[in-house]
Amino acid sequence: MDEKKGNGFNVVDFYPPETTVDLNPDKILFNNIGEYDSFVLAGYDKDGDVRVCFTMAKIDEAISLLEKAKYLILKGTLD
């Protein structure tokens, strides 16, 4: 993992920038046990349906985190 700091956010890349194939989600989750105070997790389940879960008690905090992540991805901060 590579941690980047900027725009008031700490960004952690879970993959090397040159990765061009999907990674094992179970491995990524397992390798990050105990690393976060809170998170939003979005992905596809085995049936291809979108699944979202979050640890925040307030949905507006989860949405805010998603928007910050979206901003960083669109800006190109995440590879």
Protein backbone atom coordinates (compact mmCIF):
# COMPACT_ATOMS: atom_id res chain seq x y z
CA MET A 1 0.00 0.00 0.00
CA ASP A 2 1.14 3.49 -0.76
CA GLU A 3 -0.06 6.40 1.38
CA LYS A 4 -0.41 9.83 -0.21
CA LYS A 5 -1.27 13.05 1.56
CA GLY A 6 -2.87 16.02 -0.09
CA ASN A 7 -6.03 18.10 -0.22
CA GLY A 8 -6.62 17.33 3.45
CA PHE A 9 -7.05 13.61 2.76
CA ASN A 10 -4.80 10.65 3.40
CA VAL A 11 -5.11 8.42 0.35
CA VAL A 12 -4.00 4.81 0.44
CA ASP A 13 -3.63 2.92 -2.82
CA PHE A 14 -4.34 -0.77 -2.36
CA TYR A 15 -2.62 -1.73 -5.55
CA PRO A 16 0.45 -0.81 -7.55
CA PRO A 17 -0.31 1.81 -10.23
CA GLU A 18 0.71 -0.56 -13.00
CA THR A 19 -1.96 -3.14 -12.09
CA THR A 20 -4.16 -3.92 -15.07
CA VAL A 21 -6.07 -6.90 -13.67
CA ASP A 22 -8.65 -7.17 -10.91
CA LEU A 23 -7.31 -8.13 -7.50
CA ASN A 24 -8.78 -10.57 -4.99
CA PRO A 25 -11.18 -8.54 -2.80
CA ASP A 26 -10.89 -10.98 0.13
CA LYS A 27 -7.13 -10.52 0.18
CA ILE A 28 -7.40 -6.71 0.08
CA LEU A 29 -9.93 -6.69 2.94
CA PHE A 30 -7.95 -9.20 5.02
CA ASN A 31 -4.72 -7.21 4.61
CA ASN A 32 -6.43 -4.08 5.98
CA ILE A 33 -7.95 -5.45 9.18
CA GLY A 34 -7.48 -2.91 11.98
CA GLU A 35 -6.31 -0.10 9.68
CA TYR A 36 -9.44 2.09 9.64
CA ASP A 37 -11.62 4.01 12.06
CA SER A 38 -14.45 4.08 9.53
CA PHE A 39 -15.05 3.25 5.90
CA VAL A 40 -17.50 2.92 3.03
CA LEU A 41 -17.30 -0.27 1.03
CA ALA A 42 -18.91 -0.54 -2.39
CA GLY A 43 -18.62 -3.40 -4.78
CA TYR A 44 -20.31 -6.14 -6.76
CA ASP A 45 -21.45 -9.33 -5.09
CA LYS A 46 -21.14 -12.78 -6.70
CA ASP A 47 -24.43 -12.19 -8.56
CA GLY A 48 -23.21 -8.90 -10.05
CA ASP A 49 -25.43 -6.74 -7.85
CA VAL A 50 -24.06 -3.54 -6.32
CA ARG A 51 -23.58 -3.79 -2.55
CA VAL A 52 -22.70 -0.89 -0.25
CA CYS A 53 -21.99 -0.91 3.47
CA PHE A 54 -20.55 1.71 5.79
CA THR A 55 -19.54 2.01 9.40
CA MET A 56 -20.73 5.56 10.06
CA ALA A 57 -23.89 6.05 12.11
CA LYS A 58 -24.91 9.05 10.00
CA ILE A 59 -25.57 8.53 6.32
CA ASP A 60 -24.42 12.08 5.48
CA GLU A 61 -20.93 11.17 6.74
CA ALA A 62 -20.87 8.14 4.43
CA ILE A 63 -22.00 10.25 1.49
CA SER A 64 -19.37 12.88 2.30
CA LEU A 65 -16.66 10.22 2.31
CA LEU A 66 -17.89 8.83 -1.01
CA GLU A 67 -17.82 12.32 -2.53
CA LYS A 68 -14.26 12.91 -1.28
CA ALA A 69 -13.17 9.59 -2.75
CA LYS A 70 -14.94 10.40 -6.02
CA TYR A 71 -13.16 13.76 -6.16
CA LEU A 72 -9.75 12.14 -5.67
CA ILE A 73 -10.43 9.48 -8.30
CA LEU A 74 -11.66 12.01 -10.88
CA LYS A 75 -8.77 14.33 -10.13
CA GLY A 76 -6.39 11.48 -10.85
CA THR A 77 -4.95 11.29 -7.36
CA LEU A 78 -5.77 7.59 -7.35
CA ASP A 79 -4.29 5.54 -10.16
